[in-house]
Amino acid sequence: MDQGTRDEMLGSLAEAVGSVAVAHPTRVAIDGPPAAGKTTLADELAVVLREQGRDVIRATIDDFLFPRAQRYPRGEYSAEGCYFDAHDHDALNRVLLDPLGPGGDRRFQYAVYDRTADSALSPPVTTAPADAVLVFDGVFLMRPELIDRWDLRIFVSTALEKTVDRAVIREHRVSSRAEVERRWRERYIPAQQLYFTTVRPTHHANIIVHNDEPQLPAWRTQTHNHVRSGLAGRWSGRGACRAV
């Protein structure tokens, strides 16, 4: 386990990205519970990589949601609905992850859905350089539909109770504390518990970032169970473990 400043942690993650040896864009997953700090970490890592001269594609699972009318067949607060019904993984693979992967033509779209307008989105198709980096954040990224699409897998770990407090602060302008707590305790936290039980995402992560204290993070590189880290040397990026 390493511990240090935010900049030191970001430097280690950038080193891990740079150590991935693939003949296509490097696809980096940044997974973790809601309000764990995934988006902030992904944005910061993208800045560091761009400063190093890498062409970075920033994308998020929030832009691959199903329309609202399709997301809640089990109810607005259903944990199973959060895990099974919210995200369009087929579209994510088809327009982004597969084109950037082995044998792909590198012609991609970074989104299919506009959450603000609750409508389909079709941004222009863009061609990525072969040495580009996709930095993708979101929940449930180690699930079976996605696990073998990533060349580097990072999990942002935070105590689930702490995510509730962060969410209350983050969403105070649009939701009451009671609304946020209900959403987290009835839908988001039980969905994460389901994910941990069925998939064991930290088992499949190359790097785990412990983010309870964002300005003094700790991080661990994992090399067990065929999970090879970029920090442990150059690797092909194709040794992904399937979720169980």
Protein backbone atom coordinates (compact mmCIF):
# COMPACT_ATOMS: atom_id res chain seq x y z
CA MET A 1 0.00 0.00 0.00
CA ASP A 2 1.33 3.40 -1.00
CA GLN A 3 0.23 6.65 0.60
CA GLY A 4 1.07 10.19 -0.37
CA THR A 5 -0.20 13.44 -1.76
CA ARG A 6 -2.83 13.76 -4.44
CA ASP A 7 -0.18 14.67 -6.99
CA GLU A 8 1.90 11.61 -6.09
CA MET A 9 -1.09 9.35 -6.51
CA LEU A 10 -1.96 10.90 -9.87
CA GLY A 11 1.65 10.51 -10.99
CA SER A 12 1.52 6.80 -10.13
CA LEU A 13 -1.73 6.35 -12.05
CA ALA A 14 -0.31 8.17 -15.07
CA GLU A 15 2.74 5.91 -14.90
CA ALA A 16 0.44 2.91 -14.90
CA VAL A 17 -1.38 4.21 -17.96
CA GLY A 18 1.93 4.83 -19.72
CA SER A 19 3.11 1.30 -19.02
CA VAL A 20 0.20 -0.33 -20.86
CA ALA A 21 1.51 -1.71 -24.17
CA VAL A 22 -1.31 -2.15 -26.68
CA ALA A 23 -1.61 -1.42 -30.39
CA HIS A 24 -4.85 0.51 -29.95
CA PRO A 25 -6.02 3.31 -27.63
CA THR A 26 -5.62 2.49 -23.94
CA ARG A 27 -9.02 2.09 -22.31
CA VAL A 28 -8.93 3.05 -18.61
CA ALA A 29 -11.87 2.28 -16.32
CA ILE A 30 -12.34 4.30 -13.14
CA ASP A 31 -14.99 2.44 -11.16
CA GLY A 32 -16.46 2.96 -7.69
CA PRO A 33 -19.62 3.81 -5.77
CA PRO A 34 -21.58 7.02 -6.41
CA ALA A 35 -19.89 10.00 -4.72
CA ALA A 36 -16.66 8.05 -4.18
CA GLY A 37 -14.71 10.63 -6.20
CA LYS A 38 -14.51 8.85 -9.57
CA THR A 39 -15.30 11.84 -11.76
CA THR A 40 -12.90 14.13 -9.94
CA LEU A 41 -10.13 11.53 -10.17
CA ALA A 42 -10.82 10.91 -13.87
CA ASP A 43 -10.76 14.64 -14.64
CA GLU A 44 -7.49 15.09 -12.74
CA LEU A 45 -5.87 12.09 -14.41
CA ALA A 46 -6.93 13.39 -17.83
CA VAL A 47 -5.18 16.70 -17.10
CA VAL A 48 -1.95 14.93 -16.10
CA LEU A 49 -2.01 12.72 -19.19
CA ARG A 50 -2.62 15.68 -21.49
CA GLU A 51 0.29 17.50 -19.88
CA GLN A 52 2.39 14.47 -20.79
CA GLY A 53 1.34 14.85 -24.43
CA ARG A 54 -1.29 12.11 -24.58
CA ASP A 55 -4.48 12.54 -26.58
CA VAL A 56 -7.22 11.92 -24.00
CA ILE A 57 -10.85 10.93 -24.59
CA ARG A 58 -12.96 11.70 -21.49
CA ALA A 59 -16.23 9.86 -21.19
CA THR A 60 -18.63 8.71 -18.49
CA ILE A 61 -21.24 6.04 -17.89
CA ASP A 62 -23.79 8.83 -17.26
CA ASP A 63 -23.82 9.43 -21.01
CA PHE A 64 -24.81 5.80 -21.62
CA LEU A 65 -27.97 5.70 -19.54
CA PHE A 66 -31.23 4.41 -20.93
CA PRO A 67 -33.96 7.08 -21.22
CA ARG A 68 -35.73 7.73 -17.93
CA ALA A 69 -38.90 5.91 -19.05
CA GLN A 70 -36.85 2.70 -19.42
CA ARG A 71 -34.70 3.01 -16.28
CA TYR A 72 -37.29 2.37 -13.59
CA PRO A 73 -39.39 -0.70 -14.46
CA ARG A 74 -38.76 -2.04 -10.91
CA GLY A 75 -39.39 1.32 -9.22
CA GLU A 76 -37.43 4.51 -8.66
CA TYR A 77 -35.71 3.20 -5.53
CA SER A 78 -35.03 -0.36 -6.66
CA ALA A 79 -31.43 -1.49 -6.13
CA GLU A 80 -31.86 -4.27 -8.68
CA GLY A 81 -33.16 -1.70 -11.15
CA CYS A 82 -30.11 0.47 -10.54
CA TYR A 83 -27.81 -2.43 -11.33
CA PHE A 84 -29.69 -4.16 -14.15
CA ASP A 85 -31.81 -1.50 -15.89
CA ALA A 86 -29.98 1.82 -15.87
CA HIS A 87 -27.14 1.61 -18.41
CA ASP A 88 -26.96 0.75 -22.10
CA HIS A 89 -23.90 -1.49 -22.11
CA ASP A 90 -24.53 -2.72 -25.65
CA ALA A 91 -24.34 0.84 -26.97
CA LEU A 92 -21.27 1.58 -24.85
CA ASN A 93 -19.44 -1.39 -26.33
CA ARG A 94 -20.67 -0.73 -29.85
CA VAL A 95 -19.87 2.97 -30.22
CA LEU A 96 -16.93 3.45 -27.84
CA LEU A 97 -15.15 0.51 -26.25
CA ASP A 98 -15.03 -1.90 -29.20
CA PRO A 99 -13.99 0.67 -31.82
CA LEU A 100 -11.09 1.67 -29.53
CA GLY A 101 -10.15 -1.94 -28.79
CA PRO A 102 -8.27 -4.71 -30.62
CA GLY A 103 -9.32 -4.85 -34.27
CA GLY A 104 -11.40 -1.68 -33.92
CA ASP A 105 -11.34 1.09 -36.50
CA ARG A 106 -10.89 3.77 -33.77
CA ARG A 107 -14.00 5.60 -35.03
CA PHE A 108 -16.00 6.30 -31.88
CA GLN A 109 -18.76 8.32 -30.23
CA TYR A 110 -18.32 9.35 -26.60
CA ALA A 111 -22.05 9.43 -25.70
CA VAL A 112 -25.50 8.22 -26.71
CA TYR A 113 -27.68 10.02 -24.15
CA ASP A 114 -28.22 13.56 -22.88
CA ARG A 115 -29.22 13.27 -19.23
CA THR A 116 -30.29 16.90 -18.91
CA ALA A 117 -32.70 16.66 -21.83
CA ASP A 118 -33.51 12.97 -21.24
CA SER A 119 -33.06 12.30 -24.93
CA ALA A 120 -30.90 10.33 -27.32
CA LEU A 121 -27.63 11.94 -28.35
CA SER A 122 -25.58 11.32 -31.48
CA PRO A 123 -22.34 13.32 -31.44
CA PRO A 124 -20.13 13.28 -34.53
CA VAL A 125 -18.05 10.17 -35.09
CA THR A 126 -14.39 10.91 -34.29
CA THR A 127 -11.27 8.92 -35.14
CA ALA A 128 -8.87 8.44 -32.23
CA PRO A 129 -5.09 8.25 -32.65
CA ALA A 130 -3.70 4.79 -31.96
CA ASP A 131 -1.89 6.08 -28.87
CA ALA A 132 -4.89 7.90 -27.39
CA VAL A 133 -6.16 7.20 -23.86
CA LEU A 134 -9.81 6.75 -22.98
CA VAL A 135 -10.42 7.80 -19.36
CA PHE A 136 -13.87 6.49 -18.50
CA ASP A 137 -15.57 6.83 -15.12
CA GLY A 138 -18.71 5.22 -13.82
CA VAL A 139 -20.39 2.65 -11.64
CA PHE A 140 -20.37 -1.09 -12.23
CA LEU A 141 -17.54 -1.04 -14.79
CA MET A 142 -16.18 -4.47 -13.82
CA ARG A 143 -19.45 -6.25 -14.55
CA PRO A 144 -19.40 -9.19 -17.02
CA GLU A 145 -20.67 -7.09 -19.96
CA LEU A 146 -17.66 -4.75 -19.71
CA ILE A 147 -14.82 -6.43 -17.81
CA ASP A 148 -12.77 -7.58 -20.81
CA ARG A 149 -12.99 -4.20 -22.58
CA TRP A 150 -10.58 -2.41 -20.22
CA ASP A 151 -6.81 -2.24 -20.56
CA LEU A 152 -6.36 -0.74 -17.07
CA ARG A 153 -8.89 -1.00 -14.27
CA ILE A 154 -8.90 1.43 -11.33
CA PHE A 155 -11.34 1.17 -8.43
CA VAL A 156 -12.01 4.18 -6.21
CA SER A 157 -12.84 2.84 -2.76
CA THR A 158 -14.68 4.93 -0.18
CA ALA A 159 -16.74 3.91 2.85
CA LEU A 160 -20.34 3.73 1.67
CA GLU A 161 -21.55 5.80 4.63
CA LYS A 162 -19.12 8.54 3.66
CA THR A 163 -20.60 8.67 0.16
CA VAL A 164 -23.97 9.62 1.68
CA ASP A 165 -22.46 12.64 3.41
CA ARG A 166 -20.66 13.68 0.23
CA ALA A 167 -23.83 13.30 -1.82
CA VAL A 168 -25.81 15.50 0.58
CA ILE A 169 -23.22 18.26 0.17
CA ARG A 170 -22.94 17.77 -3.59
CA GLU A 171 -26.69 17.80 -4.26
CA HIS A 172 -27.94 20.30 -1.68
CA ARG A 173 -28.95 22.79 -4.37
CA VAL A 174 -31.30 20.35 -6.11
CA SER A 175 -32.38 17.82 -3.47
CA SER A 176 -33.18 17.83 0.23
CA ARG A 177 -31.08 15.80 2.65
CA ALA A 178 -33.99 13.39 3.12
CA GLU A 179 -34.31 12.83 -0.64
CA VAL A 180 -30.59 12.20 -1.07
CA GLU A 181 -30.40 9.86 1.91
CA ARG A 182 -33.36 7.85 0.69
CA ARG A 183 -31.89 7.52 -2.80
CA TRP A 184 -28.53 6.40 -1.44
CA ARG A 185 -29.80 4.06 1.28
CA GLU A 186 -32.56 2.40 -0.73
CA ARG A 187 -31.12 2.35 -4.26
CA TYR A 188 -27.44 3.21 -4.64
CA ILE A 189 -25.86 1.55 -1.60
CA PRO A 190 -27.84 -1.72 -1.90
CA ALA A 191 -26.98 -1.76 -5.63
CA GLN A 192 -23.30 -1.48 -4.74
CA GLN A 193 -23.69 -4.29 -2.21
CA LEU A 194 -25.28 -6.44 -4.92
CA TYR A 195 -22.38 -5.58 -7.24
CA PHE A 196 -19.77 -6.48 -4.63
CA THR A 197 -21.49 -9.76 -3.83
CA THR A 198 -21.94 -10.91 -7.42
CA VAL A 199 -18.91 -9.43 -9.20
CA ARG A 200 -16.26 -8.68 -6.54
CA PRO A 201 -14.99 -5.63 -8.45
CA THR A 202 -11.96 -5.00 -6.26
CA HIS A 203 -10.76 -8.50 -7.14
CA HIS A 204 -10.56 -7.46 -10.78
CA ALA A 205 -9.04 -4.01 -10.34
CA ASN A 206 -5.41 -3.42 -11.24
CA ILE A 207 -5.19 -0.48 -8.83
CA ILE A 208 -7.38 0.37 -5.85
CA VAL A 209 -7.41 4.00 -4.70
CA HIS A 210 -8.59 4.50 -1.12
CA ASN A 211 -10.29 7.87 -1.26
CA ASP A 212 -11.75 8.43 2.21
CA GLU A 213 -9.29 11.33 2.58
CA PRO A 214 -8.95 12.75 -0.97
CA GLN A 215 -5.96 14.96 -0.17
CA LEU A 216 -4.08 12.08 1.46
CA PRO A 217 -5.05 9.04 -0.62
CA ALA A 218 -3.64 5.55 -0.39
CA TRP A 219 -3.39 3.22 -3.35
CA ARG A 220 -2.58 -0.43 -3.90
CA THR A 221 -1.37 -2.22 -7.01
CA GLN A 222 -2.73 -5.73 -7.44
CA THR A 223 -0.93 -8.48 -9.33
CA HIS A 224 -2.76 -11.52 -7.95
CA ASN A 225 -5.22 -13.75 -9.81
CA HIS A 226 -3.84 -12.86 -13.24
CA VAL A 227 -4.48 -9.15 -12.71
CA ARG A 228 -1.31 -7.44 -13.94
CA SER A 229 -0.65 -3.82 -13.13
CA GLY A 230 1.01 -1.28 -15.36
CA LEU A 231 3.13 -0.34 -12.35
CA ALA A 232 4.60 -3.84 -12.27
CA GLY A 233 6.08 -3.59 -15.75
CA ARG A 234 4.95 -3.39 -19.34
CA TRP A 235 2.10 -5.67 -20.24
CA SER A 236 -0.29 -6.40 -23.07
CA GLY A 237 -3.51 -5.23 -21.45
CA ARG A 238 -5.35 -8.38 -22.55
CA GLY A 239 -5.03 -10.38 -19.33
CA ALA A 240 -8.44 -9.42 -18.02
CA CYS A 241 -10.15 -11.67 -15.50
CA ARG A 242 -13.81 -12.37 -16.10
CA ALA A 243 -16.24 -11.44 -13.36
CA VAL A 244 -17.73 -14.26 -11.34
